[in-house]
Amino acid sequence: MVEIPEGDRKKRDPFRSDLLHQGFGPLYKGVYISPWDYSKRIIELAKDYGIQNHVTLVKGIIFHNEITPKMAVEIWQLNEIKQMYTEKWNYFKEQFMPDVEQKLKGNPDPLDIFVYFLQLGEIISELSLRDPMLPKELLPEDWIGDKIISELWAYNTRLTNLIPASSYYYQFTN
């Protein structure tokens, strides 16, 4: 729970942004929730901003008006995240993977494979930073995030395995 005075707006807005990046969702004005325990990180953030006296952490169980998948879509803006997954997946299937597969037909330089490894890692990181990684019971039935992340990681592992252990770039893949 957060109630930061208007005079500390320069601290309040970035702190709220950091809460969202940590995977919290706004339940009510000044009340952010997460199914995961990030208390140590939030205390550190509050101290970094000098607002620890305006932040209260509570751990508990919701007894009335429990969070449903429909509510989670709104709280964590899951439709926007789903759209991001769809766009990244389409890029991966239509452009990235065909480019890689074409390159792999020859005798690819380990540097080329490493660059693809890094590019795919960037896509995975971008999705992972935006997705609050909610438990299944809070996700809508048509959630695609888990499947897409799993497929991207599998392909990234494939790229890793194509870089010879003797290559200079191999050390950066683990």
N, C-alpha and C. Protein backbone atom coordinates (compact mmCIF):
# COMPACT_ATOMS: atom_id res chain seq x y z
N MET A 1 0.86 -1.16 0.00
CA MET A 1 0.00 0.00 0.00
C MET A 1 0.90 1.22 0.00
N VAL A 2 0.55 2.16 -0.84
CA VAL A 2 1.41 3.32 -1.03
C VAL A 2 0.58 4.59 -0.96
N GLU A 3 1.04 5.53 -0.14
CA GLU A 3 0.44 6.87 -0.12
C GLU A 3 1.57 7.87 0.02
N ILE A 4 2.03 8.32 -1.12
CA ILE A 4 3.17 9.23 -1.16
C ILE A 4 2.62 10.64 -1.38
N PRO A 5 3.00 11.59 -0.54
CA PRO A 5 2.48 12.96 -0.64
C PRO A 5 2.75 13.58 -2.01
N GLU A 6 1.89 14.49 -2.38
CA GLU A 6 2.01 15.18 -3.67
C GLU A 6 3.36 15.87 -3.80
N GLY A 7 3.89 16.34 -2.70
CA GLY A 7 5.20 17.01 -2.73
C GLY A 7 6.34 16.08 -3.15
N ASP A 8 6.11 14.79 -3.06
CA ASP A 8 7.12 13.80 -3.46
C ASP A 8 6.77 13.13 -4.79
N ARG A 9 6.04 13.84 -5.63
CA ARG A 9 5.61 13.29 -6.92
C ARG A 9 6.80 12.77 -7.73
N LYS A 10 7.94 13.47 -7.65
CA LYS A 10 9.12 13.04 -8.41
C LYS A 10 9.63 11.68 -7.94
N LYS A 11 9.30 11.31 -6.74
CA LYS A 11 9.65 9.98 -6.23
C LYS A 11 8.51 8.99 -6.46
N ARG A 12 7.28 9.49 -6.33
CA ARG A 12 6.09 8.64 -6.40
C ARG A 12 5.94 7.99 -7.76
N ASP A 13 6.00 8.77 -8.82
CA ASP A 13 5.75 8.23 -10.15
C ASP A 13 6.78 7.18 -10.56
N PRO A 14 8.09 7.42 -10.37
CA PRO A 14 9.05 6.36 -10.71
C PRO A 14 8.91 5.12 -9.81
N PHE A 15 8.54 5.33 -8.54
CA PHE A 15 8.35 4.18 -7.65
C PHE A 15 7.18 3.33 -8.14
N ARG A 16 6.09 3.95 -8.51
CA ARG A 16 4.94 3.21 -9.05
C ARG A 16 5.34 2.46 -10.31
N SER A 17 6.10 3.11 -11.15
CA SER A 17 6.57 2.46 -12.38
C SER A 17 7.42 1.24 -12.04
N ASP A 18 8.28 1.37 -11.04
CA ASP A 18 9.10 0.24 -10.61
C ASP A 18 8.24 -0.90 -10.05
N LEU A 19 7.18 -0.55 -9.34
CA LEU A 19 6.26 -1.59 -8.84
C LEU A 19 5.67 -2.39 -10.00
N LEU A 20 5.27 -1.69 -11.03
CA LEU A 20 4.69 -2.36 -12.21
C LEU A 20 5.72 -3.24 -12.88
N HIS A 21 6.95 -2.76 -12.97
CA HIS A 21 8.01 -3.56 -13.58
C HIS A 21 8.37 -4.79 -12.74
N GLN A 22 8.10 -4.73 -11.45
CA GLN A 22 8.34 -5.87 -10.57
C GLN A 22 7.23 -6.91 -10.68
N GLY A 23 6.15 -6.57 -11.40
CA GLY A 23 5.05 -7.52 -11.57
C GLY A 23 3.84 -7.23 -10.70
N PHE A 24 3.84 -6.09 -10.06
CA PHE A 24 2.66 -5.71 -9.27
C PHE A 24 1.60 -5.14 -10.19
N GLY A 25 0.36 -5.26 -9.76
CA GLY A 25 -0.76 -4.68 -10.49
C GLY A 25 -1.53 -3.78 -9.56
N PRO A 26 -2.10 -2.68 -10.08
CA PRO A 26 -2.87 -1.77 -9.22
C PRO A 26 -4.27 -2.31 -8.96
N LEU A 27 -4.53 -2.69 -7.71
CA LEU A 27 -5.86 -3.17 -7.35
C LEU A 27 -6.80 -1.99 -7.13
N TYR A 28 -6.33 -1.03 -6.35
CA TYR A 28 -7.05 0.22 -6.09
C TYR A 28 -6.01 1.33 -6.10
N LYS A 29 -6.46 2.55 -6.01
CA LYS A 29 -5.52 3.66 -5.94
C LYS A 29 -4.62 3.48 -4.72
N GLY A 30 -3.33 3.38 -4.96
CA GLY A 30 -2.37 3.25 -3.88
C GLY A 30 -2.22 1.84 -3.33
N VAL A 31 -2.95 0.87 -3.92
CA VAL A 31 -2.85 -0.52 -3.47
C VAL A 31 -2.40 -1.38 -4.65
N TYR A 32 -1.24 -1.96 -4.51
CA TYR A 32 -0.66 -2.80 -5.57
C TYR A 32 -0.55 -4.22 -5.04
N ILE A 33 -0.83 -5.18 -5.91
CA ILE A 33 -0.81 -6.57 -5.48
C ILE A 33 0.08 -7.41 -6.39
N SER A 34 0.57 -8.49 -5.82
CA SER A 34 1.35 -9.47 -6.56
C SER A 34 1.12 -10.83 -5.90
N PRO A 35 1.03 -11.87 -6.70
CA PRO A 35 0.91 -13.20 -6.10
C PRO A 35 2.24 -13.72 -5.56
N TRP A 36 3.31 -12.99 -5.82
CA TRP A 36 4.65 -13.42 -5.41
C TRP A 36 5.19 -12.52 -4.31
N ASP A 37 6.07 -13.05 -3.49
CA ASP A 37 6.65 -12.28 -2.38
C ASP A 37 7.90 -11.53 -2.85
N TYR A 38 7.72 -10.25 -3.11
CA TYR A 38 8.83 -9.38 -3.50
C TYR A 38 9.14 -8.38 -2.39
N SER A 39 8.80 -8.72 -1.17
CA SER A 39 8.89 -7.74 -0.08
C SER A 39 10.28 -7.16 0.10
N LYS A 40 11.31 -7.98 0.05
CA LYS A 40 12.67 -7.46 0.24
C LYS A 40 13.01 -6.45 -0.85
N ARG A 41 12.66 -6.76 -2.08
CA ARG A 41 12.96 -5.85 -3.20
C ARG A 41 12.19 -4.54 -3.06
N ILE A 42 10.94 -4.61 -2.65
CA ILE A 42 10.12 -3.40 -2.51
C ILE A 42 10.64 -2.53 -1.37
N ILE A 43 11.05 -3.14 -0.29
CA ILE A 43 11.63 -2.37 0.82
C ILE A 43 12.90 -1.66 0.35
N GLU A 44 13.73 -2.37 -0.41
CA GLU A 44 14.95 -1.75 -0.97
C GLU A 44 14.59 -0.57 -1.87
N LEU A 45 13.61 -0.77 -2.74
CA LEU A 45 13.20 0.32 -3.64
C LEU A 45 12.70 1.53 -2.84
N ALA A 46 11.86 1.27 -1.85
CA ALA A 46 11.33 2.37 -1.03
C ALA A 46 12.46 3.13 -0.33
N LYS A 47 13.44 2.39 0.17
CA LYS A 47 14.59 3.05 0.81
C LYS A 47 15.39 3.85 -0.22
N ASP A 48 15.60 3.27 -1.41
CA ASP A 48 16.34 3.98 -2.46
C ASP A 48 15.68 5.31 -2.81
N TYR A 49 14.34 5.32 -2.81
CA TYR A 49 13.61 6.55 -3.13
C TYR A 49 13.41 7.44 -1.90
N GLY A 50 13.76 6.95 -0.73
CA GLY A 50 13.57 7.73 0.50
C GLY A 50 12.11 7.88 0.88
N ILE A 51 11.30 6.87 0.57
CA ILE A 51 9.86 6.94 0.84
C ILE A 51 9.38 5.77 1.71
N GLN A 52 10.29 5.12 2.41
CA GLN A 52 9.92 3.92 3.17
C GLN A 52 8.82 4.18 4.19
N ASN A 53 8.70 5.40 4.67
CA ASN A 53 7.64 5.72 5.64
C ASN A 53 6.27 5.86 4.99
N HIS A 54 6.23 5.84 3.66
CA HIS A 54 4.96 5.99 2.93
C HIS A 54 4.53 4.68 2.26
N VAL A 55 5.24 3.61 2.56
CA VAL A 55 4.96 2.31 1.96
C VAL A 55 4.70 1.30 3.06
N THR A 56 3.58 0.60 2.95
CA THR A 56 3.23 -0.46 3.89
C THR A 56 3.08 -1.76 3.12
N LEU A 57 3.78 -2.78 3.58
CA LEU A 57 3.68 -4.09 2.94
C LEU A 57 2.78 -4.99 3.78
N VAL A 58 1.87 -5.68 3.08
CA VAL A 58 0.93 -6.58 3.74
C VAL A 58 0.96 -7.90 3.01
N LYS A 59 0.96 -8.97 3.76
CA LYS A 59 0.87 -10.31 3.17
C LYS A 59 -0.40 -10.93 3.73
N GLY A 60 -1.25 -11.43 2.84
CA GLY A 60 -2.49 -11.98 3.35
C GLY A 60 -3.27 -12.76 2.32
N ILE A 61 -4.49 -13.06 2.71
CA ILE A 61 -5.42 -13.82 1.88
C ILE A 61 -6.64 -12.95 1.63
N ILE A 62 -7.12 -12.95 0.41
CA ILE A 62 -8.34 -12.22 0.09
C ILE A 62 -9.53 -13.10 0.46
N PHE A 63 -10.39 -12.61 1.34
CA PHE A 63 -11.55 -13.39 1.79
C PHE A 63 -12.81 -13.03 1.03
N HIS A 64 -12.85 -11.87 0.46
CA HIS A 64 -14.03 -11.42 -0.27
C HIS A 64 -13.57 -10.75 -1.56
N ASN A 65 -14.28 -11.01 -2.63
CA ASN A 65 -13.97 -10.40 -3.93
C ASN A 65 -12.58 -10.84 -4.42
N GLU A 66 -12.36 -12.16 -4.42
CA GLU A 66 -11.08 -12.71 -4.85
C GLU A 66 -10.77 -12.31 -6.29
N ILE A 67 -9.50 -12.28 -6.60
CA ILE A 67 -9.05 -11.93 -7.94
C ILE A 67 -9.37 -13.09 -8.88
N THR A 68 -10.12 -12.81 -9.91
CA THR A 68 -10.47 -13.80 -10.92
C THR A 68 -9.60 -13.57 -12.15
N PRO A 69 -9.55 -14.54 -13.07
CA PRO A 69 -8.81 -14.30 -14.32
C PRO A 69 -9.31 -13.06 -15.07
N LYS A 70 -10.61 -12.83 -15.03
CA LYS A 70 -11.16 -11.64 -15.71
C LYS A 70 -10.63 -10.36 -15.07
N MET A 71 -10.57 -10.33 -13.75
CA MET A 71 -10.03 -9.17 -13.04
C MET A 71 -8.54 -9.03 -13.32
N ALA A 72 -7.82 -10.16 -13.37
CA ALA A 72 -6.38 -10.14 -13.60
C ALA A 72 -6.05 -9.51 -14.95
N VAL A 73 -6.91 -9.75 -15.94
CA VAL A 73 -6.70 -9.15 -17.27
C VAL A 73 -6.63 -7.63 -17.15
N GLU A 74 -7.49 -7.06 -16.34
CA GLU A 74 -7.52 -5.60 -16.16
C GLU A 74 -6.38 -5.13 -15.25
N ILE A 75 -6.19 -5.80 -14.13
CA ILE A 75 -5.19 -5.37 -13.15
C ILE A 75 -3.78 -5.35 -13.76
N TRP A 76 -3.45 -6.42 -14.51
CA TRP A 76 -2.09 -6.54 -15.04
C TRP A 76 -2.01 -6.24 -16.54
N GLN A 77 -3.08 -5.68 -17.10
CA GLN A 77 -3.12 -5.31 -18.53
C GLN A 77 -2.68 -6.47 -19.42
N LEU A 78 -3.27 -7.64 -19.16
CA LEU A 78 -2.87 -8.85 -19.86
C LEU A 78 -3.19 -8.82 -21.35
N ASN A 79 -4.19 -8.06 -21.76
CA ASN A 79 -4.48 -7.97 -23.20
C ASN A 79 -3.32 -7.31 -23.95
N GLU A 80 -2.72 -6.29 -23.34
CA GLU A 80 -1.56 -5.64 -23.96
C GLU A 80 -0.36 -6.59 -24.00
N ILE A 81 -0.19 -7.34 -22.94
CA ILE A 81 0.92 -8.30 -22.88
C ILE A 81 0.70 -9.41 -23.89
N LYS A 82 -0.55 -9.87 -24.00
CA LYS A 82 -0.87 -10.91 -24.98
C LYS A 82 -0.59 -10.40 -26.40
N GLN A 83 -0.91 -9.15 -26.66
CA GLN A 83 -0.63 -8.56 -27.97
C GLN A 83 0.88 -8.53 -28.24
N MET A 84 1.63 -8.20 -27.22
CA MET A 84 3.09 -8.18 -27.35
C MET A 84 3.61 -9.59 -27.66
N TYR A 85 3.09 -10.58 -26.95
CA TYR A 85 3.47 -11.97 -27.23
C TYR A 85 3.15 -12.33 -28.67
N THR A 86 1.97 -11.96 -29.12
CA THR A 86 1.54 -12.29 -30.48
C THR A 86 2.46 -11.65 -31.51
N GLU A 87 2.80 -10.38 -31.31
CA GLU A 87 3.69 -9.69 -32.24
C GLU A 87 5.08 -10.32 -32.27
N LYS A 88 5.62 -10.62 -31.10
CA LYS A 88 6.95 -11.23 -31.03
C LYS A 88 6.93 -12.63 -31.64
N TRP A 89 5.87 -13.38 -31.39
CA TRP A 89 5.75 -14.73 -31.93
C TRP A 89 5.66 -14.69 -33.46
N ASN A 90 4.86 -13.76 -33.98
CA ASN A 90 4.73 -13.63 -35.43
C ASN A 90 6.07 -13.26 -36.06
N TYR A 91 6.79 -12.34 -35.44
CA TYR A 91 8.12 -11.98 -35.94
C TYR A 91 9.03 -13.19 -35.92
N PHE A 92 9.01 -13.94 -34.83
CA PHE A 92 9.86 -15.12 -34.68
C PHE A 92 9.56 -16.14 -35.78
N LYS A 93 8.29 -16.46 -35.98
CA LYS A 93 7.90 -17.50 -36.94
C LYS A 93 8.07 -17.05 -38.39
N GLU A 94 7.77 -15.79 -38.67
CA GLU A 94 7.73 -15.32 -40.05
C GLU A 94 9.05 -14.75 -40.55
N GLN A 95 9.87 -14.24 -39.64
CA GLN A 95 11.11 -13.60 -40.08
C GLN A 95 12.35 -14.19 -39.43
N PHE A 96 12.37 -14.21 -38.10
CA PHE A 96 13.58 -14.62 -37.39
C PHE A 96 13.95 -16.06 -37.70
N MET A 97 13.03 -16.99 -37.45
CA MET A 97 13.34 -18.40 -37.63
C MET A 97 13.68 -18.74 -39.09
N PRO A 98 12.93 -18.24 -40.08
CA PRO A 98 13.33 -18.52 -41.47
C PRO A 98 14.73 -17.98 -41.80
N ASP A 99 15.08 -16.80 -41.27
CA ASP A 99 16.42 -16.26 -41.50
C ASP A 99 17.49 -17.18 -40.90
N VAL A 100 17.24 -17.64 -39.69
CA VAL A 100 18.20 -18.52 -39.02
C VAL A 100 18.32 -19.83 -39.79
N GLU A 101 17.19 -20.41 -40.13
CA GLU A 101 17.22 -21.70 -40.82
C GLU A 101 17.94 -21.59 -42.17
N GLN A 102 17.76 -20.49 -42.85
CA GLN A 102 18.46 -20.27 -44.11
C GLN A 102 19.97 -20.20 -43.87
N LYS A 103 20.36 -19.48 -42.85
CA LYS A 103 21.77 -19.34 -42.50
C LYS A 103 22.38 -20.69 -42.11
N LEU A 104 21.60 -21.53 -41.44
CA LEU A 104 22.10 -22.81 -40.96
C LEU A 104 22.26 -23.85 -42.06
N LYS A 105 21.70 -23.60 -43.24
CA LYS A 105 21.82 -24.55 -44.34
C LYS A 105 23.26 -24.69 -44.81
N GLY A 106 24.00 -23.64 -44.69
CA GLY A 106 25.41 -23.69 -45.07
C GLY A 106 26.24 -24.13 -43.89
N ASN A 107 27.45 -23.66 -43.85
CA ASN A 107 28.34 -23.93 -42.73
C ASN A 107 28.47 -22.62 -41.96
N PRO A 108 27.53 -22.35 -41.04
CA PRO A 108 27.48 -21.02 -40.41
C PRO A 108 28.67 -20.76 -39.50
N ASP A 109 29.08 -19.52 -39.51
CA ASP A 109 30.12 -19.04 -38.60
C ASP A 109 29.53 -19.01 -37.19
N PRO A 110 30.26 -19.47 -36.18
CA PRO A 110 29.76 -19.41 -34.80
C PRO A 110 29.33 -18.00 -34.38
N LEU A 111 29.97 -16.98 -34.92
CA LEU A 111 29.57 -15.61 -34.61
C LEU A 111 28.15 -15.34 -35.09
N ASP A 112 27.79 -15.82 -36.28
CA ASP A 112 26.43 -15.62 -36.79
C ASP A 112 25.40 -16.28 -35.86
N ILE A 113 25.70 -17.49 -35.44
CA ILE A 113 24.79 -18.20 -34.54
C ILE A 113 24.70 -17.46 -33.21
N PHE A 114 25.83 -16.98 -32.73
CA PHE A 114 25.86 -16.24 -31.47
C PHE A 114 25.01 -14.97 -31.55
N VAL A 115 25.09 -14.28 -32.67
CA VAL A 115 24.28 -13.06 -32.85
C VAL A 115 22.79 -13.41 -32.80
N TYR A 116 22.39 -14.49 -33.46
CA TYR A 116 20.99 -14.92 -33.39
C TYR A 116 20.61 -15.30 -31.96
N PHE A 117 21.51 -15.97 -31.28
CA PHE A 117 21.30 -16.32 -29.87
C PHE A 117 21.03 -15.06 -29.05
N LEU A 118 21.83 -14.03 -29.25
CA LEU A 118 21.65 -12.77 -28.52
C LEU A 118 20.33 -12.09 -28.88
N GLN A 119 20.00 -12.09 -30.18
CA GLN A 119 18.75 -11.46 -30.62
C GLN A 119 17.54 -12.15 -30.01
N LEU A 120 17.56 -13.47 -30.01
CA LEU A 120 16.44 -14.21 -29.43
C LEU A 120 16.41 -13.99 -27.91
N GLY A 121 17.56 -13.95 -27.28
CA GLY A 121 17.61 -13.67 -25.85
C GLY A 121 17.01 -12.32 -25.52
N GLU A 122 17.21 -11.35 -26.39
CA GLU A 122 16.64 -10.03 -26.19
C GLU A 122 15.11 -10.08 -26.26
N ILE A 123 14.58 -10.84 -27.20
CA ILE A 123 13.13 -11.00 -27.31
C ILE A 123 12.58 -11.66 -26.05
N ILE A 124 13.22 -12.73 -25.61
CA ILE A 124 12.78 -13.43 -24.40
C ILE A 124 12.83 -12.50 -23.20
N SER A 125 13.90 -11.73 -23.07
CA SER A 125 14.03 -10.79 -21.95
C SER A 125 12.94 -9.74 -21.97
N GLU A 126 12.67 -9.20 -23.14
CA GLU A 126 11.64 -8.17 -23.26
C GLU A 126 10.28 -8.70 -22.82
N LEU A 127 9.95 -9.92 -23.25
CA LEU A 127 8.68 -10.53 -22.86
C LEU A 127 8.66 -10.81 -21.35
N SER A 128 9.76 -11.33 -20.85
CA SER A 128 9.83 -11.69 -19.43
C SER A 128 9.75 -10.47 -18.52
N LEU A 129 10.29 -9.36 -18.96
CA LEU A 129 10.23 -8.14 -18.15
C LEU A 129 8.82 -7.57 -18.11
N ARG A 130 8.06 -7.75 -19.16
CA ARG A 130 6.71 -7.18 -19.23
C ARG A 130 5.65 -8.09 -18.60
N ASP A 131 5.87 -9.40 -18.68
CA ASP A 131 4.90 -10.38 -18.18
C ASP A 131 5.07 -10.54 -16.67
N PRO A 132 4.00 -10.37 -15.88
CA PRO A 132 4.12 -10.53 -14.43
C PRO A 132 4.23 -12.00 -14.01
N MET A 133 4.17 -12.91 -14.96
CA MET A 133 4.31 -14.36 -14.69
C MET A 133 3.35 -14.80 -13.59
N LEU A 134 2.09 -14.53 -13.82
CA LEU A 134 1.05 -14.88 -12.86
C LEU A 134 0.84 -16.39 -12.80
N PRO A 135 0.37 -16.89 -11.66
CA PRO A 135 0.05 -18.32 -11.58
C PRO A 135 -1.11 -18.65 -12.52
N LYS A 136 -1.17 -19.91 -12.95
CA LYS A 136 -2.18 -20.34 -13.92
C LYS A 136 -3.60 -19.98 -13.51
N GLU A 137 -3.90 -20.08 -12.22
CA GLU A 137 -5.27 -19.81 -11.78
C GLU A 137 -5.71 -18.36 -11.98
N LEU A 138 -4.77 -17.46 -12.21
CA LEU A 138 -5.12 -16.06 -12.47
C LEU A 138 -5.14 -15.72 -13.95
N LEU A 139 -4.71 -16.64 -14.78
CA LEU A 139 -4.61 -16.36 -16.22
C LEU A 139 -5.87 -16.76 -16.95
N PRO A 140 -6.21 -16.03 -18.02
CA PRO A 140 -7.36 -16.43 -18.83
C PRO A 140 -7.07 -17.77 -19.52
N GLU A 141 -8.12 -18.49 -19.87
CA GLU A 141 -7.97 -19.81 -20.48
C GLU A 141 -7.17 -19.77 -21.78
N ASP A 142 -7.27 -18.68 -22.51
CA ASP A 142 -6.60 -18.58 -23.82
C ASP A 142 -5.20 -17.96 -23.72
N TRP A 143 -4.59 -17.99 -22.53
CA TRP A 143 -3.29 -17.36 -22.34
C TRP A 143 -2.23 -18.08 -23.16
N ILE A 144 -1.45 -17.31 -23.92
CA ILE A 144 -0.45 -17.87 -24.82
C ILE A 144 0.98 -17.67 -24.33
N GLY A 145 1.16 -16.90 -23.30
CA GLY A 145 2.49 -16.52 -22.83
C GLY A 145 3.39 -17.69 -22.49
N ASP A 146 2.88 -18.64 -21.72
CA ASP A 146 3.71 -19.77 -21.29
C ASP A 146 4.19 -20.59 -22.49
N LYS A 147 3.29 -20.84 -23.42
CA LYS A 147 3.64 -21.64 -24.60
C LYS A 147 4.70 -20.94 -25.44
N ILE A 148 4.52 -19.65 -25.66
CA ILE A 148 5.45 -18.90 -26.50
C ILE A 148 6.83 -18.82 -25.84
N ILE A 149 6.87 -18.49 -24.57
CA ILE A 149 8.16 -18.42 -23.87
C ILE A 149 8.86 -19.77 -23.92
N SER A 150 8.12 -20.83 -23.72
CA SER A 150 8.69 -22.18 -23.76
C SER A 150 9.28 -22.48 -25.14
N GLU A 151 8.56 -22.14 -26.18
CA GLU A 151 9.04 -22.38 -27.55
C GLU A 151 10.29 -21.54 -27.86
N LEU A 152 10.28 -20.29 -27.41
CA LEU A 152 11.44 -19.43 -27.65
C LEU A 152 12.67 -19.94 -26.90
N TRP A 153 12.48 -20.39 -25.66
CA TRP A 153 13.60 -20.94 -24.90
C TRP A 153 14.14 -22.21 -25.56
N ALA A 154 13.24 -23.03 -26.07
CA ALA A 154 13.68 -24.26 -26.74
C ALA A 154 14.52 -23.94 -27.96
N TYR A 155 14.10 -22.94 -28.73
CA TYR A 155 14.87 -22.55 -29.91
C TYR A 155 16.20 -21.92 -29.50
N ASN A 156 16.17 -21.16 -28.43
CA ASN A 156 17.41 -20.55 -27.93
C ASN A 156 18.40 -21.64 -27.49
N THR A 157 17.88 -22.69 -26.87
CA THR A 157 18.73 -23.82 -26.48
C THR A 157 19.31 -24.49 -27.73
N ARG A 158 18.49 -24.61 -28.76
CA ARG A 158 18.97 -25.18 -30.02
C ARG A 158 20.13 -24.35 -30.56
N LEU A 159 19.98 -23.03 -30.55
CA LEU A 159 21.06 -22.16 -31.03
C LEU A 159 22.32 -22.34 -30.17
N THR A 160 22.13 -22.41 -28.88
CA THR A 160 23.26 -22.61 -27.97
C THR A 160 24.02 -23.88 -28.33
N ASN A 161 23.28 -24.94 -28.59
CA ASN A 161 23.90 -26.23 -28.90
C ASN A 161 24.62 -26.23 -30.25
N LEU A 162 24.32 -25.27 -31.11
CA LEU A 162 24.99 -25.19 -32.41
C LEU A 162 26.32 -24.44 -32.36
N ILE A 163 26.57 -23.77 -31.25
CA ILE A 163 27.84 -23.06 -31.10
C ILE A 163 28.86 -24.04 -30.55
N PRO A 164 29.90 -24.31 -31.30
CA PRO A 164 30.90 -25.30 -30.84
C PRO A 164 31.53 -24.87 -29.51
N ALA A 165 31.77 -25.86 -28.65
CA ALA A 165 32.39 -25.59 -27.36
C ALA A 165 33.77 -24.96 -27.50
N SER A 166 34.40 -25.19 -28.63
CA SER A 166 35.73 -24.63 -28.88
C SER A 166 35.67 -23.17 -29.33
N SER A 167 34.47 -22.69 -29.63
CA SER A 167 34.31 -21.31 -30.12
C SER A 167 34.48 -20.31 -28.97
N TYR A 168 35.04 -19.19 -29.30
CA TYR A 168 35.18 -18.09 -28.33
C TYR A 168 33.82 -17.69 -27.76
N TYR A 169 32.77 -17.76 -28.56
CA TYR A 169 31.44 -17.28 -28.17
C TYR A 169 30.71 -18.25 -27.25
N TYR A 170 31.15 -19.48 -27.22
CA TYR A 170 30.48 -20.49 -26.40
C TYR A 170 30.45 -20.09 -24.93
N GLN A 171 31.50 -19.48 -24.44
CA GLN A 171 31.58 -19.10 -23.02
C GLN A 171 30.47 -18.12 -22.61
N PHE A 172 29.89 -17.43 -23.57
CA PHE A 172 28.86 -16.43 -23.25
C PHE A 172 27.44 -16.99 -23.32
N THR A 173 27.33 -18.29 -23.59
CA THR A 173 26.01 -18.88 -23.77
C THR A 173 25.49 -19.56 -22.51
N ASN A 174 26.30 -19.69 -21.49
CA ASN A 174 25.87 -20.37 -20.27
C ASN A 174 25.68 -19.41 -19.13
